[in-house]
């Protein structure tokens, strides 16, 4: 039974992680591309951000991560704000 639990934990950890260059990004982070790929934390209130829709096919973002859950990236200011509506 312990073995089955261990296998389940490994599978859950591997599905929540994202490969980012030589790093593996975990929960609460994304892979942001500068001159190289780096794992960064999700953007918080008033942080600069990328929109979720702007991810590359590999799931990477240019310069900044999208916002934490409950926030959205305002496309006029490129900062995280409260609410779910978008400014177009």
Protein backbone atom coordinates (compact mmCIF):
# COMPACT_ATOMS: atom_id res chain seq x y z
CA UNK A 1 0.00 0.00 0.00
CA UNK A 2 2.84 2.42 0.79
CA UNK A 3 4.33 1.69 -2.62
CA UNK A 4 1.05 2.57 -4.36
CA UNK A 5 0.82 5.85 -2.42
CA UNK A 6 4.43 6.67 -3.35
CA UNK A 7 3.74 6.01 -7.04
CA UNK A 8 0.64 8.25 -6.91
CA UNK A 9 2.64 11.08 -5.32
CA UNK A 10 5.35 10.81 -7.98
CA UNK A 11 2.77 10.91 -10.76
CA UNK A 12 1.03 13.95 -9.23
CA UNK A 13 4.33 15.80 -8.84
CA UNK A 14 5.38 15.08 -12.41
CA UNK A 15 2.09 16.28 -13.89
CA UNK A 16 2.20 19.62 -12.01
CA UNK A 17 5.80 20.34 -13.04
CA UNK A 18 6.91 22.00 -16.28
CA UNK A 19 10.31 21.55 -17.90
CA UNK A 20 12.04 24.90 -18.37
CA UNK A 21 15.50 24.59 -19.89
CA UNK A 22 17.53 22.68 -17.30
CA UNK A 23 15.00 23.43 -14.53
CA UNK A 24 11.64 21.92 -13.69
CA UNK A 25 9.02 24.50 -12.70
CA UNK A 26 6.62 23.47 -9.96
CA UNK A 27 3.22 24.65 -8.80
CA UNK A 28 2.82 28.42 -8.52
CA UNK A 29 5.49 29.09 -11.15
CA UNK A 30 5.85 29.30 -14.91
CA UNK A 31 8.66 29.14 -17.45
CA UNK A 32 9.54 32.69 -18.52
CA UNK A 33 11.87 33.24 -21.47
CA UNK A 34 14.56 35.92 -21.29
CA UNK A 35 17.84 35.17 -23.05
CA UNK A 36 17.37 31.76 -21.37
CA UNK A 37 14.42 29.97 -19.78
CA UNK A 38 13.87 30.54 -16.05
CA UNK A 39 11.22 29.34 -13.59
CA UNK A 40 9.51 32.35 -12.01
CA UNK A 41 6.63 32.69 -9.56
CA UNK A 42 3.22 33.59 -10.94
CA UNK A 43 2.64 37.34 -11.04
CA UNK A 44 0.89 38.90 -8.04
CA UNK A 45 -1.32 41.97 -7.67
CA UNK A 46 0.18 44.94 -9.58
CA UNK A 47 3.11 42.83 -10.91
CA UNK A 48 3.90 42.94 -14.61
CA UNK A 49 2.35 39.93 -16.35
CA UNK A 50 1.70 37.94 -19.51
CA UNK A 51 -1.79 36.88 -20.50
CA UNK A 52 -2.51 33.12 -20.29
CA UNK A 53 -3.37 33.21 -24.00
CA UNK A 54 0.14 34.46 -24.83
CA UNK A 55 1.89 31.18 -23.96
CA UNK A 56 4.04 29.65 -26.68
CA UNK A 57 3.11 26.16 -27.95
CA UNK A 58 5.60 24.74 -25.41
CA UNK A 59 3.82 26.60 -22.57
CA UNK A 60 6.53 29.23 -22.03
CA UNK A 61 5.88 32.94 -21.56
CA UNK A 62 7.93 35.88 -22.82
CA UNK A 63 9.51 37.79 -19.88
CA UNK A 64 6.67 37.50 -17.31
CA UNK A 65 4.38 34.81 -15.90
CA UNK A 66 0.59 35.04 -15.99
CA UNK A 67 -1.23 36.16 -12.84
CA UNK A 68 -2.01 34.06 -9.80
CA UNK A 69 -5.51 32.52 -9.65
CA UNK A 70 -8.17 35.15 -8.92
CA UNK A 71 -6.28 37.87 -10.81
CA UNK A 72 -6.15 38.73 -14.50
CA UNK A 73 -3.60 40.49 -16.68
CA UNK A 74 -4.91 43.89 -17.76
CA UNK A 75 -3.81 44.28 -21.39
CA UNK A 76 -3.71 48.08 -21.10
CA UNK A 77 -1.20 48.18 -18.24
CA UNK A 78 0.20 44.60 -18.40
CA UNK A 79 -0.25 44.32 -14.63
CA UNK A 80 -2.27 41.89 -12.52
CA UNK A 81 -5.57 43.23 -11.23
CA UNK A 82 -8.53 41.74 -9.35
CA UNK A 83 -11.50 40.24 -11.13
CA UNK A 84 -11.96 38.09 -14.16
CA UNK A 85 -12.88 40.64 -16.83
CA UNK A 86 -10.30 41.76 -19.35
CA UNK A 87 -9.52 45.24 -20.58
CA UNK A 88 -9.19 45.10 -24.35
